Amino acid sequence: MAKPLCVGVILWSIIMGLLVSVYRSDYDCEMNAFHGKKQICVVNVSGPFEPSAEIPAARLERRGNHCVILPVAEVPTTMTPFMFGGTFASSSDSRFSQATGMYAAIPIHDRCETWEQYNLLSR
């Protein structure tokens, strides 16, 4: 069985990737990096698509025995690391299930808060 392609932090010189759909409830939080987006381009999964303003770049990352999707952008030190913002990503393209090792929606970790917000809301 092939090893899934999702990896830890790598350099993002790839500009092509795979389009995946974003799934969320009726509530679309403005604190999420992919707020208002219906698709994202996962640049570390082989595909023929290019990220754009309407379809931002994302990356697939393995965390233990599962994968998450994160924005490619760096997080400023004044903000928390990216966390789950209530949205999921999936694709019927077989390259996505090969990369994740499963046929399921993957959580998107695109929410960022200031440390003050985090301490107020999480403690």
PDB file of N, CA and C in Angstrom:
ATOM      1  N   MET A   1       0.844  -1.183   0.000  1.00  0.00           N
ATOM      2  CA  MET A   1       0.000   0.000   0.000  1.00  0.00           C
ATOM      3  C   MET A   1       0.886   1.242   0.000  1.00  0.00           C
ATOM      4  N   ALA A   2       0.566   2.201  -0.850  1.00  0.00           N
ATOM      5  CA  ALA A   2       1.358   3.425  -0.953  1.00  0.00           C
ATOM      6  C   ALA A   2       1.180   4.282   0.290  1.00  0.00           C
ATOM      7  N   LYS A   3       2.248   4.940   0.698  1.00  0.00           N
ATOM      8  CA  LYS A   3       2.199   5.837   1.845  1.00  0.00           C
ATOM      9  C   LYS A   3       1.486   7.127   1.442  1.00  0.00           C
ATOM     10  N   PRO A   4       0.557   7.657   2.279  1.00  0.00           N
ATOM     11  CA  PRO A   4      -0.120   8.916   1.939  1.00  0.00           C
ATOM     12  C   PRO A   4       0.886  10.036   1.705  1.00  0.00           C
ATOM     13  N   LEU A   5       0.518  10.974   0.849  1.00  0.00           N
ATOM     14  CA  LEU A   5       1.414  12.046   0.451  1.00  0.00           C
ATOM     15  C   LEU A   5       1.433  13.231   1.398  1.00  0.00           C
ATOM     16  N   CYS A   6       0.502  13.310   2.353  1.00  0.00           N
ATOM     17  CA  CYS A   6       0.502  14.474   3.225  1.00  0.00           C
ATOM     18  C   CYS A   6       1.728  14.418   4.128  1.00  0.00           C
ATOM     19  N   VAL A   7       2.354  15.558   4.296  1.00  0.00           N
ATOM     20  CA  VAL A   7       3.631  15.633   4.999  1.00  0.00           C
ATOM     21  C   VAL A   7       3.610  16.779   5.988  1.00  0.00           C
ATOM     22  N   GLY A   8       4.675  16.893   6.757  1.00  0.00           N
ATOM     23  CA  GLY A   8       4.824  18.029   7.654  1.00  0.00           C
ATOM     24  C   GLY A   8       5.197  19.272   6.871  1.00  0.00           C
ATOM     25  N   VAL A   9       5.874  20.175   7.503  1.00  0.00           N
ATOM     26  CA  VAL A   9       6.222  21.438   6.871  1.00  0.00           C
ATOM     27  C   VAL A   9       7.251  21.216   5.765  1.00  0.00           C
ATOM     28  N   ILE A  10       6.977  21.727   4.592  1.00  0.00           N
ATOM     29  CA  ILE A  10       7.920  21.687   3.476  1.00  0.00           C
ATOM     30  C   ILE A  10       7.953  23.053   2.815  1.00  0.00           C
ATOM     31  N   LEU A  11       8.907  23.276   1.939  1.00  0.00           N
ATOM     32  CA  LEU A  11       8.961  24.531   1.205  1.00  0.00           C
ATOM     33  C   LEU A  11       7.940  24.483   0.077  1.00  0.00           C
ATOM     34  N   TRP A  12       7.205  25.553  -0.119  1.00  0.00           N
ATOM     35  CA  TRP A  12       6.101  25.568  -1.075  1.00  0.00           C
ATOM     36  C   TRP A  12       6.514  26.200  -2.387  1.00  0.00           C
ATOM     37  N   SER A  13       7.313  25.461  -3.161  1.00  0.00           N
ATOM     38  CA  SER A  13       7.704  25.959  -4.474  1.00  0.00           C
ATOM     39  C   SER A  13       6.745  25.453  -5.545  1.00  0.00           C
ATOM     40  N   ILE A  14       5.859  24.526  -5.189  1.00  0.00           N
ATOM     41  CA  ILE A  14       4.873  24.001  -6.130  1.00  0.00           C
ATOM     42  C   ILE A  14       3.770  25.036  -6.290  1.00  0.00           C
ATOM     43  N   ILE A  15       3.419  25.356  -7.540  1.00  0.00           N
ATOM     44  CA  ILE A  15       2.346  26.326  -7.729  1.00  0.00           C
ATOM     45  C   ILE A  15       1.079  25.687  -8.282  1.00  0.00           C
ATOM     46  N   MET A  16       1.132  24.410  -8.586  1.00  0.00           N
ATOM     47  CA  MET A  16      -0.049  23.709  -9.069  1.00  0.00           C
ATOM     48  C   MET A  16      -0.530  22.775  -7.966  1.00  0.00           C
ATOM     49  N   GLY A  17      -1.815  22.472  -7.981  1.00  0.00           N
ATOM     50  CA  GLY A  17      -2.342  21.581  -6.958  1.00  0.00           C
ATOM     51  C   GLY A  17      -3.708  21.058  -7.330  1.00  0.00           C
ATOM     52  N   LEU A  18      -4.366  20.483  -6.358  1.00  0.00           N
ATOM     53  CA  LEU A  18      -5.663  19.852  -6.537  1.00  0.00           C
ATOM     54  C   LEU A  18      -6.752  20.714  -5.900  1.00  0.00           C
ATOM     55  N   LEU A  19      -7.837  20.950  -6.627  1.00  0.00           N
ATOM     56  CA  LEU A  19      -8.962  21.696  -6.066  1.00  0.00           C
ATOM     57  C   LEU A  19      -9.787  20.794  -5.173  1.00  0.00           C
ATOM     58  N   VAL A  20     -10.143  21.300  -4.004  1.00  0.00           N
ATOM     59  CA  VAL A  20     -11.047  20.590  -3.106  1.00  0.00           C
ATOM     60  C   VAL A  20     -12.160  21.542  -2.693  1.00  0.00           C
ATOM     61  N   SER A  21     -13.312  20.987  -2.391  1.00  0.00           N
ATOM     62  CA  SER A  21     -14.462  21.788  -1.970  1.00  0.00           C
ATOM     63  C   SER A  21     -14.420  22.031  -0.472  1.00  0.00           C
ATOM     64  N   VAL A  22     -14.905  23.211  -0.067  1.00  0.00           N
ATOM     65  CA  VAL A  22     -14.977  23.588   1.341  1.00  0.00           C
ATOM     66  C   VAL A  22     -16.419  23.406   1.807  1.00  0.00           C
ATOM     67  N   TYR A  23     -16.588  22.701   2.920  1.00  0.00           N
ATOM     68  CA  TYR A  23     -17.915  22.447   3.483  1.00  0.00           C
ATOM     69  C   TYR A  23     -18.017  23.105   4.850  1.00  0.00           C
ATOM     70  N   ARG A  24     -19.113  23.864   5.058  1.00  0.00           N
ATOM     71  CA  ARG A  24     -19.331  24.550   6.337  1.00  0.00           C
ATOM     72  C   ARG A  24     -20.826  24.640   6.601  1.00  0.00           C
ATOM     73  N   SER A  25     -21.165  24.972   7.830  1.00  0.00           N
ATOM     74  CA  SER A  25     -22.565  25.214   8.163  1.00  0.00           C
ATOM     75  C   SER A  25     -22.965  26.572   7.594  1.00  0.00           C
ATOM     76  N   ASP A  26     -24.150  27.022   7.885  1.00  0.00           N
ATOM     77  CA  ASP A  26     -24.599  28.339   7.414  1.00  0.00           C
ATOM     78  C   ASP A  26     -23.747  29.467   7.990  1.00  0.00           C
ATOM     79  N   TYR A  27     -23.143  29.223   9.151  1.00  0.00           N
ATOM     80  CA  TYR A  27     -22.286  30.237   9.768  1.00  0.00           C
ATOM     81  C   TYR A  27     -20.890  30.174   9.152  1.00  0.00           C
ATOM     82  N   ASP A  28     -20.409  31.306   8.675  1.00  0.00           N
ATOM     83  CA  ASP A  28     -19.090  31.391   8.038  1.00  0.00           C
ATOM     84  C   ASP A  28     -18.278  32.450   8.778  1.00  0.00           C
ATOM     85  N   CYS A  29     -17.463  32.026   9.719  1.00  0.00           N
ATOM     86  CA  CYS A  29     -16.731  32.940  10.597  1.00  0.00           C
ATOM     87  C   CYS A  29     -15.677  33.743   9.838  1.00  0.00           C
ATOM     88  N   GLU A  30     -15.654  35.033  10.079  1.00  0.00           N
ATOM     89  CA  GLU A  30     -14.679  35.915   9.439  1.00  0.00           C
ATOM     90  C   GLU A  30     -13.272  35.721   9.991  1.00  0.00           C
ATOM     91  N   MET A  31     -13.140  34.980  11.085  1.00  0.00           N
ATOM     92  CA  MET A  31     -11.811  34.723  11.647  1.00  0.00           C
ATOM     93  C   MET A  31     -11.119  33.559  10.942  1.00  0.00           C
ATOM     94  N   ASN A  32     -11.823  32.895  10.030  1.00  0.00           N
ATOM     95  CA  ASN A  32     -11.242  31.800   9.267  1.00  0.00           C
ATOM     96  C   ASN A  32     -10.542  32.350   8.033  1.00  0.00           C
ATOM     97  N   ALA A  33      -9.356  31.853   7.757  1.00  0.00           N
ATOM     98  CA  ALA A  33      -8.580  32.322   6.602  1.00  0.00           C
ATOM     99  C   ALA A  33      -9.315  32.070   5.290  1.00  0.00           C
ATOM    100  N   PHE A  34     -10.085  30.993   5.218  1.00  0.00           N
ATOM    101  CA  PHE A  34     -10.815  30.662   3.987  1.00  0.00           C
ATOM    102  C   PHE A  34     -12.267  31.112   4.050  1.00  0.00           C
ATOM    103  N   HIS A  35     -12.555  32.140   4.850  1.00  0.00           N
ATOM    104  CA  HIS A  35     -13.894  32.718   4.972  1.00  0.00           C
ATOM    105  C   HIS A  35     -14.447  33.062   3.587  1.00  0.00           C
ATOM    106  N   GLY A  36     -15.639  32.585   3.301  1.00  0.00           N
ATOM    107  CA  GLY A  36     -16.300  32.904   2.042  1.00  0.00           C
ATOM    108  C   GLY A  36     -15.837  32.091   0.845  1.00  0.00           C
ATOM    109  N   LYS A  37     -14.860  31.232   1.012  1.00  0.00           N
ATOM    110  CA  LYS A  37     -14.336  30.451  -0.117  1.00  0.00           C
ATOM    111  C   LYS A  37     -15.090  29.128  -0.242  1.00  0.00           C
ATOM    112  N   LYS A  38     -15.366  28.740  -1.469  1.00  0.00           N
ATOM    113  CA  LYS A  38     -16.057  27.474  -1.738  1.00  0.00           C
ATOM    114  C   LYS A  38     -15.084  26.381  -2.172  1.00  0.00           C
ATOM    115  N   GLN A  39     -13.890  26.785  -2.612  1.00  0.00           N
ATOM    116  CA  GLN A  39     -12.851  25.843  -3.005  1.00  0.00           C
ATOM    117  C   GLN A  39     -11.504  26.375  -2.567  1.00  0.00           C
ATOM    118  N   ILE A  40     -10.564  25.437  -2.345  1.00  0.00           N
ATOM    119  CA  ILE A  40      -9.169  25.781  -2.089  1.00  0.00           C
ATOM    120  C   ILE A  40      -8.306  24.877  -2.952  1.00  0.00           C
ATOM    121  N   CYS A  41      -7.068  25.295  -3.180  1.00  0.00           N
ATOM    122  CA  CYS A  41      -6.136  24.529  -4.005  1.00  0.00           C
ATOM    123  C   CYS A  41      -5.045  23.964  -3.099  1.00  0.00           C
ATOM    124  N   VAL A  42      -5.044  22.650  -2.937  1.00  0.00           N
ATOM    125  CA  VAL A  42      -4.062  21.981  -2.074  1.00  0.00           C
ATOM    126  C   VAL A  42      -2.795  21.768  -2.894  1.00  0.00           C
ATOM    127  N   VAL A  43      -1.764  22.549  -2.592  1.00  0.00           N
ATOM    128  CA  VAL A  43      -0.576  22.603  -3.448  1.00  0.00           C
ATOM    129  C   VAL A  43       0.417  21.473  -3.233  1.00  0.00           C
ATOM    130  N   ASN A  44       0.252  20.679  -2.177  1.00  0.00           N
ATOM    131  CA  ASN A  44       1.154  19.533  -2.033  1.00  0.00           C
ATOM    132  C   ASN A  44       0.463  18.216  -2.374  1.00  0.00           C
ATOM    133  N   VAL A  45      -0.606  18.304  -3.166  1.00  0.00           N
ATOM    134  CA  VAL A  45      -1.246  17.143  -3.773  1.00  0.00           C
ATOM    135  C   VAL A  45      -1.233  17.393  -5.278  1.00  0.00           C
ATOM    136  N   SER A  46      -0.758  16.437  -6.027  1.00  0.00           N
ATOM    137  CA  SER A  46      -0.621  16.590  -7.470  1.00  0.00           C
ATOM    138  C   SER A  46      -1.956  16.918  -8.129  1.00  0.00           C
ATOM    139  N   GLY A  47      -1.933  17.961  -8.944  1.00  0.00           N
ATOM    140  CA  GLY A  47      -3.132  18.361  -9.664  1.00  0.00           C
ATOM    141  C   GLY A  47      -2.812  19.439 -10.676  1.00  0.00           C
ATOM    142  N   PRO A  48      -3.726  19.698 -11.598  1.00  0.00           N
ATOM    143  CA  PRO A  48      -3.470  20.632 -12.683  1.00  0.00           C
ATOM    144  C   PRO A  48      -3.942  22.057 -12.431  1.00  0.00           C
ATOM    145  N   PHE A  49      -4.274  22.407 -11.172  1.00  0.00           N
ATOM    146  CA  PHE A  49      -4.883  23.706 -10.908  1.00  0.00           C
ATOM    147  C   PHE A  49      -3.911  24.652 -10.213  1.00  0.00           C
ATOM    148  N   GLU A  50      -4.125  25.935 -10.427  1.00  0.00           N
ATOM    149  CA  GLU A  50      -3.279  26.970  -9.851  1.00  0.00           C
ATOM    150  C   GLU A  50      -4.073  27.764  -8.814  1.00  0.00           C
ATOM    151  N   PRO A  51      -3.486  28.061  -7.653  1.00  0.00           N
ATOM    152  CA  PRO A  51      -4.180  28.902  -6.670  1.00  0.00           C
ATOM    153  C   PRO A  51      -4.430  30.298  -7.246  1.00  0.00           C
ATOM    154  N   SER A  52      -5.452  30.963  -6.720  1.00  0.00           N
ATOM    155  CA  SER A  52      -5.782  32.328  -7.151  1.00  0.00           C
ATOM    156  C   SER A  52      -6.404  33.061  -5.966  1.00  0.00           C
ATOM    157  N   ALA A  53      -6.817  34.292  -6.193  1.00  0.00           N
ATOM    158  CA  ALA A  53      -7.475  35.058  -5.134  1.00  0.00           C
ATOM    159  C   ALA A  53      -8.792  34.398  -4.720  1.00  0.00           C
ATOM    160  N   GLU A  54      -9.510  33.829  -5.663  1.00  0.00           N
ATOM    161  CA  GLU A  54     -10.784  33.173  -5.378  1.00  0.00           C
ATOM    162  C   GLU A  54     -10.597  31.748  -4.872  1.00  0.00           C
ATOM    163  N   ILE A  55      -9.494  31.116  -5.244  1.00  0.00           N
ATOM    164  CA  ILE A  55      -9.202  29.738  -4.828  1.00  0.00           C
ATOM    165  C   ILE A  55      -7.804  29.745  -4.197  1.00  0.00           C
ATOM    166  N   PRO A  56      -7.728  30.074  -2.883  1.00  0.00           N
ATOM    167  CA  PRO A  56      -6.418  30.244  -2.238  1.00  0.00           C
ATOM    168  C   PRO A  56      -5.658  28.932  -2.053  1.00  0.00           C
ATOM    169  N   ALA A  57      -4.354  29.070  -1.901  1.00  0.00           N
ATOM    170  CA  ALA A  57      -3.473  27.919  -1.688  1.00  0.00           C
ATOM    171  C   ALA A  57      -3.610  27.391  -0.269  1.00  0.00           C
ATOM    172  N   ALA A  58      -3.549  26.076  -0.157  1.00  0.00           N
ATOM    173  CA  ALA A  58      -3.590  25.391   1.131  1.00  0.00           C
ATOM    174  C   ALA A  58      -2.611  24.227   1.063  1.00  0.00           C
ATOM    175  N   ARG A  59      -2.362  23.621   2.228  1.00  0.00           N
ATOM    176  CA  ARG A  59      -1.469  22.463   2.269  1.00  0.00           C
ATOM    177  C   ARG A  59      -2.085  21.377   3.130  1.00  0.00           C
ATOM    178  N   LEU A  60      -1.760  20.162   2.786  1.00  0.00           N
ATOM    179  CA  LEU A  60      -2.222  18.995   3.526  1.00  0.00           C
ATOM    180  C   LEU A  60      -1.094  18.577   4.459  1.00  0.00           C
ATOM    181  N   GLU A  61      -1.414  18.344   5.731  1.00  0.00           N
ATOM    182  CA  GLU A  61      -0.387  17.997   6.712  1.00  0.00           C
ATOM    183  C   GLU A  61      -0.849  16.813   7.548  1.00  0.00           C
ATOM    184  N   ARG A  62       0.054  15.854   7.752  1.00  0.00           N
ATOM    185  CA  ARG A  62      -0.259  14.700   8.598  1.00  0.00           C
ATOM    186  C   ARG A  62      -0.039  15.080  10.051  1.00  0.00           C
ATOM    187  N   ARG A  63      -1.022  14.712  10.879  1.00  0.00           N
ATOM    188  CA  ARG A  63      -0.925  14.913  12.324  1.00  0.00           C
ATOM    189  C   ARG A  63      -1.311  13.603  12.991  1.00  0.00           C
ATOM    190  N   GLY A  64      -0.320  12.859  13.392  1.00  0.00           N
ATOM    191  CA  GLY A  64      -0.591  11.543  13.965  1.00  0.00           C
ATOM    192  C   GLY A  64      -1.160  10.622  12.901  1.00  0.00           C
ATOM    193  N   ASN A  65      -2.347  10.089  13.154  1.00  0.00           N
ATOM    194  CA  ASN A  65      -2.948   9.156  12.202  1.00  0.00           C
ATOM    195  C   ASN A  65      -4.006   9.798  11.317  1.00  0.00           C
ATOM    196  N   HIS A  66      -4.039  11.117  11.268  1.00  0.00           N
ATOM    197  CA  HIS A  66      -5.000  11.798  10.398  1.00  0.00           C
ATOM    198  C   HIS A  66      -4.339  12.994   9.719  1.00  0.00           C
ATOM    199  N   CYS A  67      -5.050  13.597   8.802  1.00  0.00           N
ATOM    200  CA  CYS A  67      -4.546  14.772   8.085  1.00  0.00           C
ATOM    201  C   CYS A  67      -5.444  15.979   8.344  1.00  0.00           C
ATOM    202  N   VAL A  68      -4.860  17.156   8.239  1.00  0.00           N
ATOM    203  CA  VAL A  68      -5.606  18.409   8.292  1.00  0.00           C
ATOM    204  C   VAL A  68      -5.153  19.276   7.130  1.00  0.00           C
ATOM    205  N   ILE A  69      -5.964  20.256   6.796  1.00  0.00           N
ATOM    206  CA  ILE A  69      -5.600  21.220   5.771  1.00  0.00           C
ATOM    207  C   ILE A  69      -5.362  22.554   6.448  1.00  0.00           C
ATOM    208  N   LEU A  70      -4.267  23.223   6.055  1.00  0.00           N
ATOM    209  CA  LEU A  70      -3.884  24.518   6.620  1.00  0.00           C
ATOM    210  C   LEU A  70      -3.619  25.513   5.505  1.00  0.00           C
ATOM    211  N   PRO A  71      -3.789  26.806   5.777  1.00  0.00           N
ATOM    212  CA  PRO A  71      -3.359  27.807   4.797  1.00  0.00           C
ATOM    213  C   PRO A  71      -1.848  27.738   4.618  1.00  0.00           C
ATOM    214  N   VAL A  72      -1.377  28.156   3.472  1.00  0.00           N
ATOM    215  CA  VAL A  72       0.056  28.193   3.209  1.00  0.00           C
ATOM    216  C   VAL A  72       0.700  29.357   3.960  1.00  0.00           C
ATOM    217  N   ALA A  73      -0.058  30.398   4.244  1.00  0.00           N
ATOM    218  CA  ALA A  73       0.457  31.613   4.888  1.00  0.00           C
ATOM    219  C   ALA A  73       1.043  31.317   6.268  1.00  0.00           C
ATOM    220  N   GLU A  74       2.055  32.062   6.636  1.00  0.00           N
ATOM    221  CA  GLU A  74       2.646  31.974   7.961  1.00  0.00           C
ATOM    222  C   GLU A  74       1.760  32.707   8.969  1.00  0.00           C
ATOM    223  N   VAL A  75       1.782  32.259  10.211  1.00  0.00           N
ATOM    224  CA  VAL A  75       1.010  32.900  11.278  1.00  0.00           C
ATOM    225  C   VAL A  75       1.918  33.885  12.004  1.00  0.00           C
ATOM    226  N   PRO A  76       1.485  35.151  12.162  1.00  0.00           N
ATOM    227  CA  PRO A  76       2.290  36.112  12.933  1.00  0.00           C
ATOM    228  C   PRO A  76       2.423  35.642  14.384  1.00  0.00           C
ATOM    229  N   THR A  77       3.514  35.990  15.040  1.00  0.00           N
ATOM    230  CA  THR A  77       3.744  35.555  16.421  1.00  0.00           C
ATOM    231  C   THR A  77       2.719  36.143  17.386  1.00  0.00           C
ATOM    232  N   THR A  78       2.016  37.191  16.984  1.00  0.00           N
ATOM    233  CA  THR A  78       0.992  37.789  17.847  1.00  0.00           C
ATOM    234  C   THR A  78      -0.317  37.000  17.803  1.00  0.00           C
ATOM    235  N   MET A  79      -0.390  36.003  16.943  1.00  0.00           N
ATOM    236  CA  MET A  79      -1.602  35.206  16.771  1.00  0.00           C
ATOM    237  C   MET A  79      -1.348  33.768  17.227  1.00  0.00           C
ATOM    238  N   THR A  80      -2.432  33.061  17.533  1.00  0.00           N
ATOM    239  CA  THR A  80      -2.329  31.642  17.866  1.00  0.00           C
ATOM    240  C   THR A  80      -2.001  30.856  16.608  1.00  0.00           C
ATOM    241  N   PRO A  81      -1.489  29.643  16.759  1.00  0.00           N
ATOM    242  CA  PRO A  81      -1.344  28.786  15.577  1.00  0.00           C
ATOM    243  C   PRO A  81      -2.729  28.514  14.983  1.00  0.00           C
ATOM    244  N   PHE A  82      -2.772  28.109  13.719  1.00  0.00           N
ATOM    245  CA  PHE A  82      -4.056  27.801  13.100  1.00  0.00           C
ATOM    246  C   PHE A  82      -4.754  26.688  13.870  1.00  0.00           C
ATOM    247  N   MET A  83      -6.079  26.829  14.018  1.00  0.00           N
ATOM    248  CA  MET A  83      -6.892  25.831  14.707  1.00  0.00           C
ATOM    249  C   MET A  83      -8.131  25.524  13.881  1.00  0.00           C
ATOM    250  N   PHE A  84      -8.854  24.498  14.272  1.00  0.00           N
ATOM    251  CA  PHE A  84     -10.057  24.100  13.552  1.00  0.00           C
ATOM    252  C   PHE A  84     -11.087  25.221  13.617  1.00  0.00           C
ATOM    253  N   GLY A  85     -11.596  25.610  12.454  1.00  0.00           N
ATOM    254  CA  GLY A  85     -12.562  26.697  12.382  1.00  0.00           C
ATOM    255  C   GLY A  85     -13.966  26.250  12.022  1.00  0.00           C
ATOM    256  N   GLY A  86     -14.232  24.932  12.051  1.00  0.00           N
ATOM    257  CA  GLY A  86     -15.574  24.441  11.785  1.00  0.00           C
ATOM    258  C   GLY A  86     -15.842  24.065  10.343  1.00  0.00           C
ATOM    259  N   THR A  87     -14.810  24.077   9.502  1.00  0.00           N
ATOM    260  CA  THR A  87     -15.002  23.725   8.094  1.00  0.00           C
ATOM    261  C   THR A  87     -14.207  22.474   7.743  1.00  0.00           C
ATOM    262  N   PHE A  88     -14.665  21.823   6.683  1.00  0.00           N
ATOM    263  CA  PHE A  88     -14.035  20.600   6.197  1.00  0.00           C
ATOM    264  C   PHE A  88     -13.763  20.729   4.709  1.00  0.00           C
ATOM    265  N   ALA A  89     -12.857  19.913   4.196  1.00  0.00           N
ATOM    266  CA  ALA A  89     -12.556  19.884   2.765  1.00  0.00           C
ATOM    267  C   ALA A  89     -12.617  18.450   2.268  1.00  0.00           C
ATOM    268  N   SER A  90     -13.077  18.299   1.034  1.00  0.00           N
ATOM    269  CA  SER A  90     -13.125  16.978   0.436  1.00  0.00           C
ATOM    270  C   SER A  90     -13.143  17.115  -1.074  1.00  0.00           C
ATOM    271  N   SER A  91     -12.840  16.010  -1.737  1.00  0.00           N
ATOM    272  CA  SER A  91     -12.873  15.952  -3.193  1.00  0.00           C
ATOM    273  C   SER A  91     -13.180  14.525  -3.609  1.00  0.00           C
ATOM    274  N   SER A  92     -13.893  14.384  -4.709  1.00  0.00           N
ATOM    275  CA  SER A  92     -14.144  13.047  -5.249  1.00  0.00           C
ATOM    276  C   SER A  92     -12.982  12.575  -6.113  1.00  0.00           C
ATOM    277  N   ASP A  93     -12.001  13.438  -6.355  1.00  0.00           N
ATOM    278  CA  ASP A  93     -10.808  13.075  -7.136  1.00  0.00           C
ATOM    279  C   ASP A  93     -10.000  12.042  -6.352  1.00  0.00           C
ATOM    280  N   SER A  94      -9.647  10.941  -6.990  1.00  0.00           N
ATOM    281  CA  SER A  94      -8.937   9.858  -6.304  1.00  0.00           C
ATOM    282  C   SER A  94      -7.576  10.296  -5.768  1.00  0.00           C
ATOM    283  N   ARG A  95      -6.977  11.341  -6.340  1.00  0.00           N
ATOM    284  CA  ARG A  95      -5.683  11.808  -5.827  1.00  0.00           C
ATOM    285  C   ARG A  95      -5.807  12.327  -4.399  1.00  0.00           C
ATOM    286  N   PHE A  96      -6.971  12.879  -4.051  1.00  0.00           N
ATOM    287  CA  PHE A  96      -7.184  13.379  -2.693  1.00  0.00           C
ATOM    288  C   PHE A  96      -7.246  12.222  -1.697  1.00  0.00           C
ATOM    289  N   SER A  97      -8.012  11.192  -2.006  1.00  0.00           N
ATOM    290  CA  SER A  97      -8.101  10.049  -1.087  1.00  0.00           C
ATOM    291  C   SER A  97      -6.770   9.296  -1.024  1.00  0.00           C
ATOM    292  N   GLN A  98      -6.010   9.261  -2.112  1.00  0.00           N
ATOM    293  CA  GLN A  98      -4.685   8.645  -2.073  1.00  0.00           C
ATOM    294  C   GLN A  98      -3.751   9.438  -1.158  1.00  0.00           C
ATOM    295  N   ALA A  99      -3.851  10.760  -1.219  1.00  0.00           N
ATOM    296  CA  ALA A  99      -2.980  11.618  -0.408  1.00  0.00           C
ATOM    297  C   ALA A  99      -3.312  11.541   1.074  1.00  0.00           C
ATOM    298  N   THR A 100      -4.593  11.411   1.403  1.00  0.00           N
ATOM    299  CA  THR A 100      -4.998  11.398   2.812  1.00  0.00           C
ATOM    300  C   THR A 100      -5.027   9.994   3.404  1.00  0.00           C
ATOM    301  N   GLY A 101      -5.084   8.983   2.552  1.00  0.00           N
ATOM    302  CA  GLY A 101      -5.159   7.615   3.042  1.00  0.00           C
ATOM    303  C   GLY A 101      -6.560   7.179   3.407  1.00  0.00           C
ATOM    304  N   MET A 102      -7.570   8.004   3.086  1.00  0.00           N
ATOM    305  CA  MET A 102      -8.960   7.658   3.377  1.00  0.00           C
ATOM    306  C   MET A 102      -9.892   8.405   2.429  1.00  0.00           C
ATOM    307  N   TYR A 103     -11.116   7.961   2.365  1.00  0.00           N
ATOM    308  CA  TYR A 103     -12.115   8.636   1.543  1.00  0.00           C
ATOM    309  C   TYR A 103     -13.070   9.331   2.504  1.00  0.00           C
ATOM    310  N   ALA A 104     -12.719  10.541   2.923  1.00  0.00           N
ATOM    311  CA  ALA A 104     -13.504  11.274   3.914  1.00  0.00           C
ATOM    312  C   ALA A 104     -13.162  12.758   3.839  1.00  0.00           C
ATOM    313  N   ALA A 105     -14.013  13.564   4.441  1.00  0.00           N
ATOM    314  CA  ALA A 105     -13.732  15.000   4.558  1.00  0.00           C
ATOM    315  C   ALA A 105     -12.630  15.201   5.595  1.00  0.00           C
ATOM    316  N   ILE A 106     -11.786  16.188   5.353  1.00  0.00           N
ATOM    317  CA  ILE A 106     -10.632  16.484   6.206  1.00  0.00           C
ATOM    318  C   ILE A 106     -10.876  17.825   6.899  1.00  0.00           C
ATOM    319  N   PRO A 107     -10.611  17.936   8.207  1.00  0.00           N
ATOM    320  CA  PRO A 107     -10.790  19.217   8.886  1.00  0.00           C
ATOM    321  C   PRO A 107      -9.837  20.287   8.340  1.00  0.00           C
ATOM    322  N   ILE A 108     -10.346  21.495   8.237  1.00  0.00           N
ATOM    323  CA  ILE A 108      -9.526  22.637   7.822  1.00  0.00           C
ATOM    324  C   ILE A 108      -9.165  23.433   9.076  1.00  0.00           C
ATOM    325  N   HIS A 109      -7.882  23.598   9.316  1.00  0.00           N
ATOM    326  CA  HIS A 109      -7.400  24.398  10.446  1.00  0.00           C
ATOM    327  C   HIS A 109      -6.977  25.756   9.898  1.00  0.00           C
ATOM    328  N   ASP A 110      -7.939  26.674   9.825  1.00  0.00           N
ATOM    329  CA  ASP A 110      -7.666  27.992   9.237  1.00  0.00           C
ATOM    330  C   ASP A 110      -8.089  29.135  10.142  1.00  0.00           C
ATOM    331  N   ARG A 111      -8.477  28.841  11.360  1.00  0.00           N
ATOM    332  CA  ARG A 111      -8.905  29.893  12.281  1.00  0.00           C
ATOM    333  C   ARG A 111      -7.694  30.405  13.052  1.00  0.00           C
ATOM    334  N   CYS A 112      -7.625  31.714  13.180  1.00  0.00           N
ATOM    335  CA  CYS A 112      -6.549  32.369  13.917  1.00  0.00           C
ATOM    336  C   CYS A 112      -7.169  33.377  14.884  1.00  0.00           C
ATOM    337  N   GLU A 113      -6.641  33.446  16.080  1.00  0.00           N
ATOM    338  CA  GLU A 113      -7.092  34.419  17.066  1.00  0.00           C
ATOM    339  C   GLU A 113      -5.869  35.109  17.654  1.00  0.00           C
ATOM    340  N   THR A 114      -6.077  36.304  18.186  1.00  0.00           N
ATOM    341  CA  THR A 114      -4.998  36.903  18.968  1.00  0.00           C
ATOM    342  C   THR A 114      -4.898  36.094  20.251  1.00  0.00           C
ATOM    343  N   TRP A 115      -3.780  36.163  20.950  1.00  0.00           N
ATOM    344  CA  TRP A 115      -3.643  35.431  22.206  1.00  0.00           C
ATOM    345  C   TRP A 115      -4.643  35.951  23.228  1.00  0.00           C
ATOM    346  N   GLU A 116      -4.966  37.228  23.175  1.00  0.00           N
ATOM    347  CA  GLU A 116      -5.963  37.799  24.094  1.00  0.00           C
ATOM    348  C   GLU A 116      -7.340  37.162  23.838  1.00  0.00           C
ATOM    349  N   GLN A 117      -7.730  37.065  22.562  1.00  0.00           N
ATOM    350  CA  GLN A 117      -9.003  36.417  22.225  1.00  0.00           C
ATOM    351  C   GLN A 117      -8.999  34.958  22.667  1.00  0.00           C
ATOM    352  N   TYR A 118      -7.905  34.278  22.404  1.00  0.00           N
ATOM    353  CA  TYR A 118      -7.798  32.865  22.765  1.00  0.00           C
ATOM    354  C   TYR A 118      -7.975  32.673  24.269  1.00  0.00           C
ATOM    355  N   ASN A 119      -7.267  33.467  25.060  1.00  0.00           N
ATOM    356  CA  ASN A 119      -7.374  33.349  26.521  1.00  0.00           C
ATOM    357  C   ASN A 119      -8.761  33.692  27.021  1.00  0.00           C
ATOM    358  N   LEU A 120      -9.413  34.664  26.426  1.00  0.00           N
ATOM    359  CA  LEU A 120     -10.762  35.059  26.808  1.00  0.00           C
ATOM    360  C   LEU A 120     -11.784  33.982  26.455  1.00  0.00           C
ATOM    361  N   LEU A 121     -11.671  33.400  25.261  1.00  0.00           N
ATOM    362  CA  LEU A 121     -12.670  32.453  24.765  1.00  0.00           C
ATOM    363  C   LEU A 121     -12.414  31.011  25.184  1.00  0.00           C
ATOM    364  N   SER A 122     -11.184  30.675  25.535  1.00  0.00           N
ATOM    365  CA  SER A 122     -10.818  29.266  25.744  1.00  0.00           C
ATOM    366  C   SER A 122     -10.561  28.890  27.194  1.00  0.00           C
ATOM    367  N   ARG A 123     -10.589  29.828  28.072  1.00  0.00           N
ATOM    368  CA  ARG A 123     -10.235  29.495  29.464  1.00  0.00           C
ATOM    369  C   ARG A 123     -11.407  29.673  30.390  1.00  0.00           C
TER     370      ARG A 123
END
